[in-house]
C-alpha cells in the first residue's frame, strides 16, 4: 500500500486475519450489526427495516443478514485492494457518498470500526494478536482519514 499509515507487514496481517474471518461472511456480518446495535441502540433508526425490531428479532432477520453480508463483502473488496490505494480510496469515497444522505457521519464509521475490532477479536481468538490488532487499527485510521475528507467535501 502506498501510504505511510500502514506497512506491508500490516497489510499482510490484515489479509491473513481476513482470510480466517471470511469463511462465514454472512454470519459474521450479522454478528457485527447485532453488536453495533447493542452498543448503539439508537443507530437502528438509520435503518427503516430494523428500527422497530428487537435484537432477538433481528438475529433471524433476512434483511439484517442481507445488510450484514453487504458490509462484509464491501470489506472483502477493501482488503483485496489494500495494494491499490487509488482504488481503495475511490471505494471508500463511494461508501461515504452513499451513506451521507442517510445522516451517517464520520463518528459513526469510527464506532462501527470499534465494533468490528471487537468482533474480530472474539472470532479469531489467539490469531488476533497485538500486531494484528495494530494492523487493523492502522487500516481503520487510514480509512477514516479518507472518510473524513470525503465528509468535508460533501458538506
N, C-alpha and C. Protein backbone atom coordinates (compact mmCIF):
# COMPACT_ATOMS: atom_id res chain seq x y z
N UNK A 1 0.86 -1.18 0.00
CA UNK A 1 0.00 0.00 0.00
C UNK A 1 0.89 1.23 0.00
N UNK A 2 0.60 2.15 -0.81
CA UNK A 2 1.43 3.34 -0.96
C UNK A 2 1.03 4.43 0.01
N UNK A 3 1.07 4.13 1.28
CA UNK A 3 0.78 5.13 2.30
C UNK A 3 1.68 4.88 3.49
N UNK A 4 2.07 5.93 4.17
CA UNK A 4 2.93 5.77 5.33
C UNK A 4 2.12 5.32 6.55
N UNK A 5 0.81 5.27 6.42
CA UNK A 5 -0.03 4.93 7.57
C UNK A 5 -0.08 3.43 7.86
N UNK A 6 0.23 2.63 6.88
CA UNK A 6 0.14 1.19 7.07
C UNK A 6 1.27 0.52 6.29
N UNK A 7 1.96 -0.40 6.95
CA UNK A 7 3.12 -1.05 6.35
C UNK A 7 2.70 -2.28 5.55
N UNK A 8 3.65 -2.79 4.78
CA UNK A 8 3.38 -4.03 4.03
C UNK A 8 3.09 -5.18 4.97
N UNK A 9 3.82 -5.24 6.08
CA UNK A 9 3.58 -6.29 7.07
C UNK A 9 2.16 -6.18 7.64
N UNK A 10 1.73 -4.94 7.91
CA UNK A 10 0.37 -4.75 8.43
C UNK A 10 -0.67 -5.16 7.39
N UNK A 11 -0.42 -4.84 6.14
CA UNK A 11 -1.34 -5.28 5.07
C UNK A 11 -1.42 -6.80 5.07
N UNK A 12 -0.29 -7.44 5.20
CA UNK A 12 -0.27 -8.91 5.22
C UNK A 12 -1.08 -9.45 6.41
N UNK A 13 -0.90 -8.85 7.58
CA UNK A 13 -1.63 -9.31 8.77
C UNK A 13 -3.13 -9.09 8.62
N UNK A 14 -3.54 -7.97 8.03
CA UNK A 14 -4.96 -7.72 7.80
C UNK A 14 -5.51 -8.79 6.84
N UNK A 15 -4.81 -9.03 5.76
CA UNK A 15 -5.28 -10.02 4.77
C UNK A 15 -5.34 -11.42 5.38
N UNK A 16 -4.32 -11.78 6.14
CA UNK A 16 -4.29 -13.10 6.77
C UNK A 16 -5.45 -13.28 7.74
N UNK A 17 -5.69 -12.29 8.58
CA UNK A 17 -6.78 -12.40 9.54
C UNK A 17 -8.14 -12.34 8.83
N UNK A 18 -8.22 -11.57 7.75
CA UNK A 18 -9.46 -11.50 6.99
C UNK A 18 -9.78 -12.86 6.38
N UNK A 19 -8.77 -13.56 5.89
CA UNK A 19 -8.98 -14.89 5.31
C UNK A 19 -9.66 -15.81 6.33
N UNK A 20 -9.25 -15.72 7.58
CA UNK A 20 -9.84 -16.56 8.62
C UNK A 20 -11.30 -16.18 8.90
N UNK A 21 -11.60 -14.89 8.84
CA UNK A 21 -12.97 -14.41 9.11
C UNK A 21 -13.89 -14.66 7.91
N UNK A 22 -13.33 -14.65 6.73
CA UNK A 22 -14.15 -14.72 5.52
C UNK A 22 -14.78 -16.08 5.28
N UNK A 23 -14.47 -17.04 6.11
CA UNK A 23 -15.07 -18.36 5.98
C UNK A 23 -16.59 -18.29 6.09
N UNK A 24 -17.09 -17.38 6.94
CA UNK A 24 -18.53 -17.24 7.11
C UNK A 24 -18.92 -15.76 7.13
N UNK A 25 -18.75 -15.11 6.00
CA UNK A 25 -19.02 -13.67 5.93
C UNK A 25 -20.45 -13.28 6.33
N UNK A 26 -21.48 -13.95 5.81
CA UNK A 26 -22.84 -13.51 6.18
C UNK A 26 -23.11 -13.54 7.69
N UNK A 27 -22.74 -14.62 8.37
CA UNK A 27 -22.99 -14.69 9.81
C UNK A 27 -22.13 -13.69 10.57
N UNK A 28 -20.90 -13.51 10.13
CA UNK A 28 -20.06 -12.52 10.80
C UNK A 28 -20.62 -11.11 10.61
N UNK A 29 -21.21 -10.85 9.46
CA UNK A 29 -21.88 -9.56 9.24
C UNK A 29 -23.05 -9.36 10.19
N UNK A 30 -23.83 -10.41 10.38
CA UNK A 30 -24.95 -10.35 11.34
C UNK A 30 -24.41 -10.06 12.74
N UNK A 31 -23.37 -10.79 13.12
CA UNK A 31 -22.80 -10.60 14.46
C UNK A 31 -22.28 -9.18 14.67
N UNK A 32 -21.66 -8.61 13.64
CA UNK A 32 -21.16 -7.24 13.74
C UNK A 32 -22.33 -6.26 13.90
N UNK A 33 -23.36 -6.41 13.08
CA UNK A 33 -24.50 -5.49 13.19
C UNK A 33 -25.23 -5.64 14.52
N UNK A 34 -25.40 -6.87 14.99
CA UNK A 34 -26.06 -7.06 16.29
C UNK A 34 -25.26 -6.40 17.41
N UNK A 35 -23.95 -6.56 17.38
CA UNK A 35 -23.09 -5.92 18.39
C UNK A 35 -23.16 -4.40 18.26
N UNK A 36 -23.18 -3.91 17.02
CA UNK A 36 -23.27 -2.47 16.77
C UNK A 36 -24.56 -1.91 17.35
N UNK A 37 -25.67 -2.60 17.11
CA UNK A 37 -26.96 -2.12 17.62
C UNK A 37 -27.07 -2.31 19.13
N UNK A 38 -26.37 -3.29 19.67
CA UNK A 38 -26.39 -3.47 21.11
C UNK A 38 -25.63 -2.31 21.78
N UNK A 39 -24.50 -1.93 21.20
CA UNK A 39 -23.71 -0.84 21.78
C UNK A 39 -24.32 0.53 21.50
N UNK A 40 -24.97 0.65 20.33
CA UNK A 40 -25.54 1.94 19.90
C UNK A 40 -26.99 1.73 19.45
N UNK A 41 -27.91 1.50 20.39
CA UNK A 41 -29.29 1.16 20.03
C UNK A 41 -29.99 2.20 19.15
N UNK A 42 -29.66 3.45 19.32
CA UNK A 42 -30.34 4.48 18.53
C UNK A 42 -29.95 4.42 17.05
N UNK A 43 -28.85 3.75 16.75
CA UNK A 43 -28.41 3.68 15.35
C UNK A 43 -29.31 2.78 14.50
N UNK A 44 -30.15 2.00 15.16
CA UNK A 44 -31.14 1.24 14.38
C UNK A 44 -32.04 2.19 13.61
N UNK A 45 -32.19 3.41 14.10
CA UNK A 45 -33.07 4.39 13.44
C UNK A 45 -32.57 4.77 12.05
N UNK A 46 -31.30 4.54 11.76
CA UNK A 46 -30.79 4.79 10.41
C UNK A 46 -31.35 3.77 9.41
N UNK A 47 -31.89 2.68 9.91
CA UNK A 47 -32.35 1.57 9.07
C UNK A 47 -33.85 1.40 9.23
N UNK A 48 -34.60 1.80 8.25
CA UNK A 48 -36.06 1.75 8.40
C UNK A 48 -36.57 0.32 8.59
N UNK A 49 -35.85 -0.67 8.07
CA UNK A 49 -36.29 -2.06 8.21
C UNK A 49 -35.98 -2.64 9.59
N UNK A 50 -35.08 -1.99 10.33
CA UNK A 50 -34.64 -2.54 11.61
C UNK A 50 -35.15 -1.78 12.82
N UNK A 51 -35.57 -0.54 12.63
CA UNK A 51 -35.78 0.36 13.77
C UNK A 51 -36.82 -0.15 14.77
N UNK A 52 -37.81 -0.91 14.31
CA UNK A 52 -38.85 -1.37 15.23
C UNK A 52 -38.68 -2.82 15.68
N UNK A 53 -37.54 -3.41 15.34
CA UNK A 53 -37.31 -4.81 15.71
C UNK A 53 -36.34 -4.91 16.87
N UNK A 54 -36.56 -5.89 17.72
CA UNK A 54 -35.65 -6.12 18.84
C UNK A 54 -34.40 -6.84 18.32
N UNK A 55 -33.38 -6.87 19.14
CA UNK A 55 -32.17 -7.59 18.75
C UNK A 55 -32.46 -9.08 18.56
N UNK A 56 -33.36 -9.61 19.33
CA UNK A 56 -33.73 -11.03 19.19
C UNK A 56 -34.39 -11.25 17.83
N UNK A 57 -35.29 -10.36 17.45
CA UNK A 57 -35.94 -10.47 16.14
C UNK A 57 -34.93 -10.27 15.01
N UNK A 58 -34.01 -9.35 15.20
CA UNK A 58 -33.02 -9.07 14.16
C UNK A 58 -32.08 -10.24 13.91
N UNK A 59 -31.85 -11.03 14.95
CA UNK A 59 -30.93 -12.17 14.83
C UNK A 59 -31.32 -13.10 13.67
N UNK A 60 -32.62 -13.19 13.40
CA UNK A 60 -33.09 -14.09 12.32
C UNK A 60 -33.66 -13.32 11.12
N UNK A 61 -33.43 -12.03 11.08
CA UNK A 61 -33.99 -11.20 10.02
C UNK A 61 -33.22 -11.38 8.71
N UNK A 62 -33.89 -11.77 7.63
CA UNK A 62 -33.22 -11.85 6.33
C UNK A 62 -32.68 -10.49 5.87
N UNK A 63 -33.37 -9.41 6.23
CA UNK A 63 -32.90 -8.08 5.83
C UNK A 63 -31.60 -7.72 6.55
N UNK A 64 -31.50 -8.07 7.84
CA UNK A 64 -30.27 -7.82 8.57
C UNK A 64 -29.15 -8.69 8.00
N UNK A 65 -29.45 -9.93 7.70
CA UNK A 65 -28.45 -10.83 7.12
C UNK A 65 -27.97 -10.28 5.77
N UNK A 66 -28.89 -9.74 4.99
CA UNK A 66 -28.52 -9.15 3.71
C UNK A 66 -27.61 -7.95 3.87
N UNK A 67 -27.96 -7.07 4.81
CA UNK A 67 -27.13 -5.88 5.00
C UNK A 67 -25.77 -6.26 5.60
N UNK A 68 -25.79 -7.19 6.53
CA UNK A 68 -24.52 -7.67 7.10
C UNK A 68 -23.63 -8.27 6.03
N UNK A 69 -24.22 -9.01 5.11
CA UNK A 69 -23.46 -9.59 4.00
C UNK A 69 -22.85 -8.49 3.13
N UNK A 70 -23.65 -7.47 2.84
CA UNK A 70 -23.12 -6.36 2.02
C UNK A 70 -21.94 -5.68 2.70
N UNK A 71 -22.04 -5.47 4.02
CA UNK A 71 -20.93 -4.87 4.75
C UNK A 71 -19.68 -5.74 4.63
N UNK A 72 -19.86 -7.03 4.83
CA UNK A 72 -18.71 -7.93 4.82
C UNK A 72 -18.10 -8.04 3.42
N UNK A 73 -18.92 -8.09 2.41
CA UNK A 73 -18.38 -8.18 1.05
C UNK A 73 -17.73 -6.86 0.64
N UNK A 74 -18.22 -5.76 1.16
CA UNK A 74 -17.55 -4.47 0.92
C UNK A 74 -16.18 -4.49 1.58
N UNK A 75 -16.11 -4.97 2.82
CA UNK A 75 -14.81 -5.07 3.48
C UNK A 75 -13.89 -6.03 2.75
N UNK A 76 -14.44 -7.11 2.23
CA UNK A 76 -13.62 -8.05 1.45
C UNK A 76 -13.00 -7.33 0.26
N UNK A 77 -13.77 -6.48 -0.40
CA UNK A 77 -13.25 -5.72 -1.54
C UNK A 77 -12.17 -4.73 -1.10
N UNK A 78 -12.37 -4.11 0.05
CA UNK A 78 -11.36 -3.19 0.57
C UNK A 78 -10.06 -3.93 0.86
N UNK A 79 -10.17 -5.09 1.50
CA UNK A 79 -8.98 -5.87 1.84
C UNK A 79 -8.26 -6.32 0.57
N UNK A 80 -9.01 -6.77 -0.42
CA UNK A 80 -8.40 -7.21 -1.68
C UNK A 80 -7.63 -6.06 -2.33
N UNK A 81 -8.10 -4.85 -2.16
CA UNK A 81 -7.49 -3.68 -2.81
C UNK A 81 -6.51 -2.92 -1.93
N UNK A 82 -6.03 -3.53 -0.86
CA UNK A 82 -5.07 -2.85 0.01
C UNK A 82 -3.82 -2.41 -0.75
N UNK A 83 -3.45 -3.15 -1.77
CA UNK A 83 -2.26 -2.83 -2.55
C UNK A 83 -2.53 -1.82 -3.66
N UNK A 84 -3.77 -1.37 -3.76
CA UNK A 84 -4.17 -0.41 -4.80
C UNK A 84 -4.80 0.81 -4.12
N UNK A 85 -3.98 1.70 -3.56
CA UNK A 85 -4.53 2.80 -2.76
C UNK A 85 -5.51 3.70 -3.51
N UNK A 86 -5.29 3.90 -4.81
CA UNK A 86 -6.21 4.76 -5.56
C UNK A 86 -7.59 4.12 -5.67
N UNK A 87 -7.60 2.82 -5.91
CA UNK A 87 -8.87 2.09 -6.00
C UNK A 87 -9.54 2.06 -4.63
N UNK A 88 -8.76 1.78 -3.61
CA UNK A 88 -9.28 1.75 -2.24
C UNK A 88 -9.90 3.08 -1.87
N UNK A 89 -9.23 4.16 -2.20
CA UNK A 89 -9.74 5.49 -1.89
C UNK A 89 -11.07 5.75 -2.60
N UNK A 90 -11.17 5.39 -3.86
CA UNK A 90 -12.42 5.59 -4.59
C UNK A 90 -13.55 4.77 -3.99
N UNK A 91 -13.25 3.56 -3.55
CA UNK A 91 -14.28 2.71 -2.93
C UNK A 91 -14.78 3.34 -1.63
N UNK A 92 -13.86 3.86 -0.84
CA UNK A 92 -14.22 4.47 0.45
C UNK A 92 -15.03 5.74 0.23
N UNK A 93 -14.64 6.53 -0.74
CA UNK A 93 -15.40 7.75 -1.05
C UNK A 93 -16.82 7.40 -1.46
N UNK A 94 -16.98 6.35 -2.25
CA UNK A 94 -18.30 5.91 -2.68
C UNK A 94 -19.16 5.47 -1.48
N UNK A 95 -18.55 4.79 -0.53
CA UNK A 95 -19.28 4.39 0.68
C UNK A 95 -19.80 5.64 1.40
N UNK A 96 -18.95 6.64 1.55
CA UNK A 96 -19.35 7.87 2.23
C UNK A 96 -20.46 8.57 1.45
N UNK A 97 -20.31 8.67 0.14
CA UNK A 97 -21.33 9.33 -0.68
C UNK A 97 -22.68 8.61 -0.57
N UNK A 98 -22.65 7.29 -0.51
CA UNK A 98 -23.89 6.52 -0.41
C UNK A 98 -24.55 6.67 0.96
N UNK A 99 -23.76 6.86 2.00
CA UNK A 99 -24.31 6.90 3.35
C UNK A 99 -24.57 8.31 3.88
N UNK A 100 -23.96 9.32 3.30
CA UNK A 100 -24.11 10.69 3.78
C UNK A 100 -25.57 11.16 3.73
N UNK A 101 -26.33 10.87 2.66
CA UNK A 101 -27.72 11.33 2.65
C UNK A 101 -28.59 10.71 3.76
N UNK A 102 -28.14 9.60 4.32
CA UNK A 102 -28.88 8.93 5.40
C UNK A 102 -28.50 9.48 6.77
N UNK A 103 -27.60 10.46 6.79
CA UNK A 103 -27.19 11.07 8.06
C UNK A 103 -26.01 10.40 8.72
N UNK A 104 -25.34 9.48 8.03
CA UNK A 104 -24.18 8.81 8.60
C UNK A 104 -22.99 9.77 8.54
N UNK A 105 -22.33 9.92 9.69
CA UNK A 105 -21.22 10.85 9.81
C UNK A 105 -19.94 10.11 10.19
N UNK A 106 -18.84 10.83 10.23
CA UNK A 106 -17.53 10.23 10.48
C UNK A 106 -17.49 9.46 11.79
N UNK A 107 -18.10 9.99 12.85
CA UNK A 107 -18.06 9.30 14.14
C UNK A 107 -18.76 7.94 14.08
N UNK A 108 -19.75 7.81 13.21
CA UNK A 108 -20.45 6.52 13.08
C UNK A 108 -19.52 5.46 12.50
N UNK A 109 -18.68 5.86 11.55
CA UNK A 109 -17.72 4.91 10.98
C UNK A 109 -16.71 4.48 12.04
N UNK A 110 -16.24 5.43 12.85
CA UNK A 110 -15.30 5.09 13.91
C UNK A 110 -15.92 4.08 14.87
N UNK A 111 -17.17 4.31 15.23
CA UNK A 111 -17.84 3.40 16.16
C UNK A 111 -18.07 2.03 15.52
N UNK A 112 -18.39 2.00 14.24
CA UNK A 112 -18.52 0.71 13.55
C UNK A 112 -17.17 -0.01 13.53
N UNK A 113 -16.11 0.72 13.25
CA UNK A 113 -14.78 0.10 13.23
C UNK A 113 -14.42 -0.46 14.60
N UNK A 114 -14.78 0.24 15.66
CA UNK A 114 -14.52 -0.26 17.02
C UNK A 114 -15.26 -1.58 17.25
N UNK A 115 -16.48 -1.65 16.76
CA UNK A 115 -17.27 -2.89 16.90
C UNK A 115 -16.65 -4.01 16.06
N UNK A 116 -16.23 -3.69 14.86
CA UNK A 116 -15.59 -4.70 14.01
C UNK A 116 -14.35 -5.26 14.70
N UNK A 117 -13.55 -4.39 15.30
CA UNK A 117 -12.37 -4.86 16.03
C UNK A 117 -12.77 -5.82 17.15
N UNK A 118 -13.80 -5.46 17.89
CA UNK A 118 -14.25 -6.31 19.00
C UNK A 118 -14.69 -7.68 18.48
N UNK A 119 -15.46 -7.69 17.40
CA UNK A 119 -15.96 -8.96 16.86
C UNK A 119 -14.81 -9.77 16.26
N UNK A 120 -13.86 -9.11 15.60
CA UNK A 120 -12.69 -9.83 15.07
C UNK A 120 -11.93 -10.52 16.21
N UNK A 121 -11.76 -9.82 17.32
CA UNK A 121 -11.09 -10.42 18.48
C UNK A 121 -11.84 -11.65 18.97
N UNK A 122 -13.17 -11.54 19.05
CA UNK A 122 -13.97 -12.67 19.51
C UNK A 122 -13.86 -13.85 18.55
N UNK A 123 -13.93 -13.57 17.26
CA UNK A 123 -13.95 -14.63 16.25
C UNK A 123 -12.59 -15.30 16.10
N UNK A 124 -11.52 -14.51 16.17
CA UNK A 124 -10.19 -15.03 15.86
C UNK A 124 -9.41 -15.49 17.08
N UNK A 125 -9.83 -15.08 18.26
CA UNK A 125 -9.15 -15.52 19.47
C UNK A 125 -7.66 -15.22 19.44
N UNK A 126 -6.84 -16.27 19.65
CA UNK A 126 -5.39 -16.11 19.70
C UNK A 126 -4.78 -15.65 18.38
N UNK A 127 -5.49 -15.87 17.28
CA UNK A 127 -4.98 -15.41 15.98
C UNK A 127 -4.98 -13.88 15.89
N UNK A 128 -5.78 -13.25 16.72
CA UNK A 128 -5.88 -11.79 16.71
C UNK A 128 -4.95 -11.24 17.79
N UNK A 129 -3.65 -11.33 17.52
CA UNK A 129 -2.65 -10.89 18.49
C UNK A 129 -2.45 -9.38 18.41
N UNK A 130 -1.53 -8.88 19.21
CA UNK A 130 -1.30 -7.44 19.28
C UNK A 130 -0.90 -6.83 17.95
N UNK A 131 -0.05 -7.52 17.20
CA UNK A 131 0.38 -6.98 15.90
C UNK A 131 -0.77 -6.95 14.91
N UNK A 132 -1.62 -7.95 14.96
CA UNK A 132 -2.77 -7.99 14.06
C UNK A 132 -3.75 -6.87 14.41
N UNK A 133 -3.99 -6.69 15.69
CA UNK A 133 -4.87 -5.59 16.11
C UNK A 133 -4.29 -4.24 15.69
N UNK A 134 -3.00 -4.07 15.88
CA UNK A 134 -2.34 -2.83 15.47
C UNK A 134 -2.50 -2.60 13.96
N UNK A 135 -2.40 -3.67 13.19
CA UNK A 135 -2.55 -3.57 11.73
C UNK A 135 -3.97 -3.11 11.38
N UNK A 136 -4.97 -3.69 12.02
CA UNK A 136 -6.35 -3.28 11.75
C UNK A 136 -6.59 -1.84 12.18
N UNK A 137 -6.03 -1.45 13.31
CA UNK A 137 -6.18 -0.07 13.76
C UNK A 137 -5.53 0.90 12.76
N UNK A 138 -4.38 0.53 12.22
CA UNK A 138 -3.72 1.37 11.22
C UNK A 138 -4.59 1.47 9.96
N UNK A 139 -5.19 0.35 9.55
CA UNK A 139 -6.07 0.38 8.38
C UNK A 139 -7.28 1.27 8.65
N UNK A 140 -7.91 1.11 9.80
CA UNK A 140 -9.09 1.91 10.11
C UNK A 140 -8.73 3.40 10.20
N UNK A 141 -7.56 3.71 10.75
CA UNK A 141 -7.12 5.11 10.81
C UNK A 141 -6.97 5.66 9.39
N UNK A 142 -6.39 4.88 8.51
CA UNK A 142 -6.22 5.28 7.11
C UNK A 142 -7.58 5.49 6.44
N UNK A 143 -8.49 4.53 6.62
CA UNK A 143 -9.83 4.63 6.02
C UNK A 143 -10.58 5.84 6.58
N UNK A 144 -10.48 6.06 7.88
CA UNK A 144 -11.16 7.21 8.49
C UNK A 144 -10.62 8.53 7.96
N UNK A 145 -9.34 8.57 7.68
CA UNK A 145 -8.77 9.79 7.09
C UNK A 145 -9.43 10.09 5.74
N UNK A 146 -9.59 9.07 4.93
CA UNK A 146 -10.26 9.23 3.63
C UNK A 146 -11.72 9.62 3.85
N UNK A 147 -12.38 8.95 4.79
CA UNK A 147 -13.79 9.22 5.06
C UNK A 147 -14.00 10.64 5.56
N UNK A 148 -13.14 11.09 6.45
CA UNK A 148 -13.28 12.45 6.98
C UNK A 148 -13.13 13.48 5.87
N UNK A 149 -12.19 13.27 4.97
CA UNK A 149 -12.02 14.18 3.83
C UNK A 149 -13.26 14.17 2.95
N UNK A 150 -13.80 12.98 2.70
CA UNK A 150 -14.98 12.86 1.84
C UNK A 150 -16.19 13.54 2.49
N UNK A 151 -16.35 13.37 3.80
CA UNK A 151 -17.46 14.01 4.51
C UNK A 151 -17.35 15.53 4.40
N UNK A 152 -16.15 16.05 4.58
CA UNK A 152 -15.95 17.50 4.49
C UNK A 152 -16.29 18.01 3.09
N UNK A 153 -15.92 17.27 2.08
CA UNK A 153 -16.18 17.69 0.70
C UNK A 153 -17.66 17.64 0.35
N UNK A 154 -18.41 16.81 1.04
CA UNK A 154 -19.84 16.68 0.76
C UNK A 154 -20.67 17.74 1.47
N UNK A 155 -20.10 18.47 2.41
CA UNK A 155 -20.85 19.48 3.16
C UNK A 155 -21.20 20.65 2.29
